[in-house]
Amino acid sequence: MKSQKTPQTMKPATAAKKLGVYLEATPAEFQEGVVSRDELNALQADPPEWLRDLRRNGPHPRPVVATKLGISIGGLVRGGITESLTTEQIEALKTENPTWLRQERSTQAEVRREAARLKEKAKAEPPRRPRS
């Protein structure tokens, strides 16, 4: 007797995270059900209008907001941004370019430079032999 393979499912919060959208802004039927792997793949391959609109206009989850501003999630918190933002709000922040945002962008740029330096250093060093 062959057992039926059950489809892999995930909570709506997980699916929203994988889709890069703010869960609370998704339709009620998305928030209340479970999402199968096949449904997630279909949403990614051919997003419905609501998903395209959320990705375009928001509100966006904090990781997306941080990426669009070029800072870390911690930088958002230090800047007092704890809620999701729309694309319009993000663009307004970029235009305003407050001191905290300039400082966080500078910090993020330094973090990236240091990561690149360490990566280059690791490439230049010969591989270490394991101790026996």
N, C-alpha and C. Protein backbone atom coordinates (compact mmCIF):
# COMPACT_ATOMS: atom_id res chain seq x y z
N MET A 1 0.83 -1.16 0.00
CA MET A 1 0.00 0.00 0.00
C MET A 1 0.89 1.25 0.00
N LYS A 2 0.62 2.15 -0.91
CA LYS A 2 1.40 3.37 -1.05
C LYS A 2 0.72 4.49 -0.27
N SER A 3 1.51 5.20 0.53
CA SER A 3 0.91 6.30 1.29
C SER A 3 0.81 7.55 0.42
N GLN A 4 -0.22 8.31 0.66
CA GLN A 4 -0.41 9.56 -0.07
C GLN A 4 0.62 10.58 0.43
N LYS A 5 1.26 11.24 -0.50
CA LYS A 5 2.21 12.28 -0.13
C LYS A 5 1.43 13.55 0.18
N THR A 6 1.60 14.06 1.40
CA THR A 6 0.88 15.28 1.76
C THR A 6 1.68 16.49 1.29
N PRO A 7 0.98 17.48 0.79
CA PRO A 7 1.69 18.66 0.30
C PRO A 7 2.31 19.44 1.46
N GLN A 8 3.48 19.99 1.20
CA GLN A 8 4.15 20.81 2.20
C GLN A 8 3.41 22.14 2.31
N THR A 9 3.06 22.52 3.52
CA THR A 9 2.34 23.78 3.72
C THR A 9 3.10 24.66 4.70
N MET A 10 2.72 25.93 4.70
CA MET A 10 3.34 26.89 5.62
C MET A 10 2.29 27.85 6.13
N LYS A 11 2.61 28.49 7.23
CA LYS A 11 1.72 29.50 7.78
C LYS A 11 1.73 30.72 6.87
N PRO A 12 0.67 31.51 6.89
CA PRO A 12 0.63 32.72 6.08
C PRO A 12 1.79 33.68 6.37
N ALA A 13 2.21 33.76 7.62
CA ALA A 13 3.33 34.66 7.96
C ALA A 13 4.61 34.24 7.24
N THR A 14 4.85 32.94 7.18
CA THR A 14 6.03 32.43 6.49
C THR A 14 5.94 32.71 5.00
N ALA A 15 4.77 32.47 4.42
CA ALA A 15 4.58 32.73 3.00
C ALA A 15 4.75 34.21 2.68
N ALA A 16 4.20 35.08 3.53
CA ALA A 16 4.34 36.53 3.32
C ALA A 16 5.80 36.93 3.37
N LYS A 17 6.54 36.36 4.30
CA LYS A 17 7.97 36.67 4.41
C LYS A 17 8.70 36.24 3.15
N LYS A 18 8.39 35.05 2.65
CA LYS A 18 9.03 34.56 1.43
C LYS A 18 8.65 35.40 0.21
N LEU A 19 7.45 35.97 0.23
CA LEU A 19 7.00 36.82 -0.87
C LEU A 19 7.47 38.27 -0.72
N GLY A 20 8.00 38.61 0.47
CA GLY A 20 8.49 39.95 0.72
C GLY A 20 7.40 40.98 0.90
N VAL A 21 6.27 40.56 1.50
CA VAL A 21 5.15 41.49 1.72
C VAL A 21 4.77 41.50 3.19
N TYR A 22 4.08 42.55 3.59
CA TYR A 22 3.62 42.75 4.95
C TYR A 22 2.33 41.95 5.12
N LEU A 23 2.33 40.98 6.02
CA LEU A 23 1.20 40.06 6.19
C LEU A 23 -0.12 40.79 6.43
N GLU A 24 -0.12 41.80 7.29
CA GLU A 24 -1.36 42.49 7.63
C GLU A 24 -1.99 43.21 6.44
N ALA A 25 -1.22 43.43 5.39
CA ALA A 25 -1.75 44.12 4.20
C ALA A 25 -2.26 43.14 3.14
N THR A 26 -2.09 41.85 3.38
CA THR A 26 -2.55 40.85 2.41
C THR A 26 -4.05 40.61 2.57
N PRO A 27 -4.70 40.05 1.56
CA PRO A 27 -6.14 39.77 1.67
C PRO A 27 -6.44 38.79 2.81
N ALA A 28 -7.64 38.90 3.36
CA ALA A 28 -8.06 38.08 4.50
C ALA A 28 -7.93 36.59 4.19
N GLU A 29 -8.31 36.17 2.98
CA GLU A 29 -8.23 34.74 2.66
C GLU A 29 -6.79 34.23 2.68
N PHE A 30 -5.82 35.09 2.38
CA PHE A 30 -4.41 34.71 2.45
C PHE A 30 -3.99 34.58 3.92
N GLN A 31 -4.42 35.53 4.75
CA GLN A 31 -4.03 35.56 6.17
C GLN A 31 -4.64 34.41 6.97
N GLU A 32 -5.81 33.94 6.56
CA GLU A 32 -6.54 32.96 7.36
C GLU A 32 -6.25 31.52 6.99
N GLY A 33 -5.69 31.27 5.82
CA GLY A 33 -5.47 29.89 5.41
C GLY A 33 -4.04 29.45 5.58
N VAL A 34 -3.73 28.31 5.01
CA VAL A 34 -2.35 27.86 4.91
C VAL A 34 -1.97 27.92 3.44
N VAL A 35 -0.69 28.00 3.18
CA VAL A 35 -0.19 28.13 1.81
C VAL A 35 0.68 26.92 1.50
N SER A 36 0.35 26.23 0.44
CA SER A 36 1.16 25.08 0.05
C SER A 36 2.38 25.57 -0.74
N ARG A 37 3.35 24.72 -0.85
CA ARG A 37 4.56 25.05 -1.63
C ARG A 37 4.17 25.35 -3.07
N ASP A 38 3.25 24.58 -3.63
CA ASP A 38 2.79 24.80 -5.01
C ASP A 38 2.11 26.16 -5.15
N GLU A 39 1.28 26.52 -4.15
CA GLU A 39 0.62 27.83 -4.19
C GLU A 39 1.63 28.97 -4.10
N LEU A 40 2.63 28.80 -3.25
CA LEU A 40 3.67 29.81 -3.12
C LEU A 40 4.43 29.98 -4.44
N ASN A 41 4.78 28.85 -5.05
CA ASN A 41 5.48 28.91 -6.33
C ASN A 41 4.63 29.60 -7.39
N ALA A 42 3.32 29.32 -7.39
CA ALA A 42 2.42 29.96 -8.35
C ALA A 42 2.33 31.46 -8.10
N LEU A 43 2.30 31.87 -6.84
CA LEU A 43 2.25 33.29 -6.51
C LEU A 43 3.54 34.00 -6.94
N GLN A 44 4.66 33.31 -6.81
CA GLN A 44 5.93 33.90 -7.23
C GLN A 44 6.05 33.97 -8.74
N ALA A 45 5.59 32.93 -9.42
CA ALA A 45 5.72 32.87 -10.88
C ALA A 45 4.76 33.83 -11.59
N ASP A 46 3.54 33.91 -11.10
CA ASP A 46 2.53 34.76 -11.73
C ASP A 46 1.74 35.47 -10.63
N PRO A 47 2.33 36.55 -10.07
CA PRO A 47 1.68 37.20 -8.94
C PRO A 47 0.34 37.83 -9.31
N PRO A 48 -0.67 37.65 -8.46
CA PRO A 48 -1.97 38.30 -8.71
C PRO A 48 -1.83 39.81 -8.51
N GLU A 49 -2.84 40.55 -8.90
CA GLU A 49 -2.79 42.02 -8.82
C GLU A 49 -2.52 42.51 -7.40
N TRP A 50 -3.15 41.89 -6.39
CA TRP A 50 -2.94 42.36 -5.01
C TRP A 50 -1.48 42.24 -4.60
N LEU A 51 -0.81 41.18 -5.04
CA LEU A 51 0.59 40.97 -4.69
C LEU A 51 1.49 41.96 -5.44
N ARG A 52 1.21 42.18 -6.71
CA ARG A 52 1.98 43.16 -7.47
C ARG A 52 1.83 44.55 -6.86
N ASP A 53 0.61 44.88 -6.46
CA ASP A 53 0.34 46.19 -5.86
C ASP A 53 1.08 46.34 -4.52
N LEU A 54 1.05 45.31 -3.69
CA LEU A 54 1.76 45.36 -2.40
C LEU A 54 3.26 45.52 -2.62
N ARG A 55 3.81 44.79 -3.55
CA ARG A 55 5.24 44.90 -3.82
C ARG A 55 5.61 46.28 -4.36
N ARG A 56 4.72 46.86 -5.13
CA ARG A 56 4.98 48.16 -5.75
C ARG A 56 4.78 49.30 -4.75
N ASN A 57 3.67 49.28 -4.01
CA ASN A 57 3.28 50.42 -3.18
C ASN A 57 3.38 50.21 -1.67
N GLY A 58 3.43 48.96 -1.23
CA GLY A 58 3.49 48.69 0.19
C GLY A 58 2.11 48.67 0.81
N PRO A 59 2.02 48.64 2.10
CA PRO A 59 3.11 48.80 3.05
C PRO A 59 4.09 47.63 2.99
N HIS A 60 5.36 47.96 3.23
CA HIS A 60 6.44 46.97 3.13
C HIS A 60 6.87 46.52 4.52
N PRO A 61 7.28 45.25 4.67
CA PRO A 61 7.82 44.79 5.95
C PRO A 61 9.18 45.45 6.20
N ARG A 62 9.60 45.45 7.45
CA ARG A 62 10.85 46.12 7.83
C ARG A 62 12.07 45.69 7.03
N PRO A 63 12.28 44.39 6.73
CA PRO A 63 13.46 44.04 5.92
C PRO A 63 13.46 44.72 4.55
N VAL A 64 12.29 44.84 3.95
CA VAL A 64 12.19 45.50 2.64
C VAL A 64 12.44 46.99 2.79
N VAL A 65 11.88 47.61 3.83
CA VAL A 65 12.09 49.04 4.08
C VAL A 65 13.58 49.30 4.27
N ALA A 66 14.23 48.47 5.08
CA ALA A 66 15.67 48.64 5.33
C ALA A 66 16.46 48.55 4.04
N THR A 67 16.14 47.57 3.21
CA THR A 67 16.84 47.40 1.95
C THR A 67 16.64 48.61 1.04
N LYS A 68 15.40 49.07 0.94
CA LYS A 68 15.11 50.22 0.08
C LYS A 68 15.82 51.49 0.56
N LEU A 69 16.04 51.60 1.87
CA LEU A 69 16.74 52.76 2.41
C LEU A 69 18.26 52.57 2.45
N GLY A 70 18.71 51.33 2.21
CA GLY A 70 20.15 51.05 2.21
C GLY A 70 20.75 51.00 3.61
N ILE A 71 19.94 50.55 4.58
CA ILE A 71 20.42 50.45 5.96
C ILE A 71 20.02 49.09 6.53
N SER A 72 20.43 48.85 7.77
CA SER A 72 20.06 47.59 8.44
C SER A 72 18.72 47.74 9.16
N ILE A 73 18.16 46.62 9.57
CA ILE A 73 16.92 46.65 10.35
C ILE A 73 17.18 47.34 11.69
N GLY A 74 18.34 47.07 12.27
CA GLY A 74 18.72 47.75 13.51
C GLY A 74 18.79 49.26 13.31
N GLY A 75 19.25 49.68 12.14
CA GLY A 75 19.30 51.10 11.81
C GLY A 75 17.92 51.72 11.77
N LEU A 76 16.95 50.95 11.28
CA LEU A 76 15.57 51.43 11.28
C LEU A 76 15.10 51.71 12.70
N VAL A 77 15.38 50.76 13.58
CA VAL A 77 14.95 50.90 14.98
C VAL A 77 15.65 52.10 15.62
N ARG A 78 16.96 52.24 15.38
CA ARG A 78 17.68 53.38 15.94
C ARG A 78 17.12 54.69 15.40
N GLY A 79 16.61 54.66 14.17
CA GLY A 79 16.01 55.86 13.58
C GLY A 79 14.57 56.08 14.00
N GLY A 80 14.03 55.18 14.82
CA GLY A 80 12.67 55.34 15.31
C GLY A 80 11.60 54.77 14.38
N ILE A 81 12.00 54.01 13.37
CA ILE A 81 11.04 53.41 12.44
C ILE A 81 10.75 51.99 12.93
N THR A 82 9.56 51.80 13.47
CA THR A 82 9.20 50.49 13.99
C THR A 82 8.01 49.88 13.25
N GLU A 83 7.37 50.65 12.40
CA GLU A 83 6.21 50.18 11.65
C GLU A 83 6.57 49.98 10.19
N SER A 84 5.69 49.32 9.47
CA SER A 84 5.89 49.16 8.03
C SER A 84 5.69 50.52 7.37
N LEU A 85 6.31 50.71 6.22
CA LEU A 85 6.18 51.96 5.48
C LEU A 85 5.74 51.68 4.06
N THR A 86 5.05 52.64 3.46
CA THR A 86 4.67 52.54 2.06
C THR A 86 5.84 53.03 1.21
N THR A 87 5.78 52.74 -0.07
CA THR A 87 6.81 53.22 -1.00
C THR A 87 6.87 54.75 -0.96
N GLU A 88 5.72 55.39 -0.89
CA GLU A 88 5.66 56.85 -0.83
C GLU A 88 6.37 57.38 0.41
N GLN A 89 6.16 56.74 1.55
CA GLN A 89 6.82 57.16 2.78
C GLN A 89 8.34 56.95 2.70
N ILE A 90 8.74 55.84 2.08
CA ILE A 90 10.17 55.56 1.92
C ILE A 90 10.81 56.62 1.03
N GLU A 91 10.15 56.94 -0.07
CA GLU A 91 10.68 57.96 -0.97
C GLU A 91 10.76 59.32 -0.28
N ALA A 92 9.78 59.64 0.56
CA ALA A 92 9.79 60.90 1.31
C ALA A 92 10.98 60.93 2.27
N LEU A 93 11.26 59.81 2.92
CA LEU A 93 12.41 59.73 3.82
C LEU A 93 13.71 59.92 3.05
N LYS A 94 13.80 59.30 1.88
CA LYS A 94 15.00 59.45 1.05
C LYS A 94 15.20 60.91 0.65
N THR A 95 14.11 61.57 0.29
CA THR A 95 14.18 62.97 -0.12
C THR A 95 14.56 63.86 1.06
N GLU A 96 13.94 63.62 2.20
CA GLU A 96 14.21 64.39 3.41
C GLU A 96 15.65 64.15 3.88
N ASN A 97 16.12 62.91 3.77
CA ASN A 97 17.46 62.48 4.16
C ASN A 97 17.87 63.00 5.54
N PRO A 98 17.13 62.60 6.59
CA PRO A 98 17.45 63.08 7.94
C PRO A 98 18.84 62.61 8.39
N THR A 99 19.33 63.25 9.41
CA THR A 99 20.67 62.96 9.92
C THR A 99 20.82 61.48 10.27
N TRP A 100 19.82 60.91 10.95
CA TRP A 100 19.93 59.50 11.35
C TRP A 100 20.06 58.59 10.14
N LEU A 101 19.37 58.92 9.03
CA LEU A 101 19.44 58.09 7.83
C LEU A 101 20.83 58.19 7.19
N ARG A 102 21.36 59.39 7.12
CA ARG A 102 22.72 59.56 6.57
C ARG A 102 23.73 58.79 7.41
N GLN A 103 23.58 58.86 8.73
CA GLN A 103 24.49 58.16 9.62
C GLN A 103 24.37 56.64 9.45
N GLU A 104 23.15 56.14 9.37
CA GLU A 104 22.96 54.69 9.21
C GLU A 104 23.47 54.20 7.86
N ARG A 105 23.29 54.99 6.80
CA ARG A 105 23.82 54.62 5.49
C ARG A 105 25.34 54.57 5.53
N SER A 106 25.93 55.51 6.23
CA SER A 106 27.39 55.54 6.38
C SER A 106 27.86 54.29 7.14
N THR A 107 27.16 53.97 8.21
CA THR A 107 27.49 52.77 8.99
C THR A 107 27.37 51.52 8.13
N GLN A 108 26.29 51.42 7.36
CA GLN A 108 26.06 50.25 6.51
C GLN A 108 27.15 50.14 5.44
N ALA A 109 27.55 51.28 4.88
CA ALA A 109 28.62 51.27 3.87
C ALA A 109 29.93 50.78 4.48
N GLU A 110 30.21 51.19 5.71
CA GLU A 110 31.42 50.74 6.40
C GLU A 110 31.37 49.24 6.67
N VAL A 111 30.20 48.75 7.07
CA VAL A 111 30.03 47.31 7.32
C VAL A 111 30.30 46.52 6.02
N ARG A 112 29.77 47.02 4.92
CA ARG A 112 29.99 46.34 3.62
C ARG A 112 31.46 46.37 3.22
N ARG A 113 32.13 47.52 3.42
CA ARG A 113 33.57 47.61 3.10
C ARG A 113 34.37 46.62 3.93
N GLU A 114 34.05 46.54 5.22
CA GLU A 114 34.77 45.62 6.10
C GLU A 114 34.52 44.17 5.69
N ALA A 115 33.29 43.84 5.34
CA ALA A 115 32.98 42.48 4.89
C ALA A 115 33.75 42.14 3.62
N ALA A 116 33.84 43.09 2.70
CA ALA A 116 34.58 42.88 1.45
C ALA A 116 36.07 42.71 1.74
N ARG A 117 36.59 43.52 2.67
CA ARG A 117 38.01 43.42 3.03
C ARG A 117 38.31 42.05 3.63
N LEU A 118 37.46 41.59 4.52
CA LEU A 118 37.67 40.27 5.14
C LEU A 118 37.57 39.15 4.12
N LYS A 119 36.67 39.30 3.17
CA LYS A 119 36.52 38.29 2.12
C LYS A 119 37.79 38.23 1.27
N GLU A 120 38.32 39.39 0.90
CA GLU A 120 39.55 39.43 0.12
C GLU A 120 40.72 38.86 0.91
N LYS A 121 40.79 39.18 2.20
CA LYS A 121 41.85 38.66 3.05
C LYS A 121 41.79 37.14 3.12
N ALA A 122 40.57 36.61 3.23
CA ALA A 122 40.41 35.15 3.29
C ALA A 122 40.84 34.49 1.99
N LYS A 123 40.57 35.16 0.86
CA LYS A 123 40.99 34.61 -0.44
C LYS A 123 42.51 34.59 -0.56
N ALA A 124 43.17 35.63 -0.03
CA ALA A 124 44.60 35.77 -0.18
C ALA A 124 45.38 34.80 0.73
N GLU A 125 44.80 34.42 1.86
CA GLU A 125 45.48 33.53 2.78
C GLU A 125 45.40 32.09 2.31
N PRO A 126 46.47 31.33 2.50
CA PRO A 126 46.38 29.91 2.15
C PRO A 126 45.43 29.19 3.10
N PRO A 127 44.76 28.16 2.61
CA PRO A 127 43.82 27.45 3.47
C PRO A 127 44.52 26.82 4.66
N ARG A 128 43.88 26.86 5.79
CA ARG A 128 44.45 26.27 7.00
C ARG A 128 44.26 24.78 7.01
N ARG A 129 45.28 24.11 7.50
CA ARG A 129 45.17 22.66 7.62
C ARG A 129 44.57 22.33 8.97
N PRO A 130 43.65 21.37 8.99
CA PRO A 130 43.04 21.01 10.27
C PRO A 130 44.08 20.40 11.21
N ARG A 131 43.92 20.68 12.50
CA ARG A 131 44.82 20.10 13.49
C ARG A 131 44.47 18.63 13.69
N SER A 132 45.51 17.85 13.95
CA SER A 132 45.23 16.44 14.17
C SER A 132 45.44 16.03 15.58
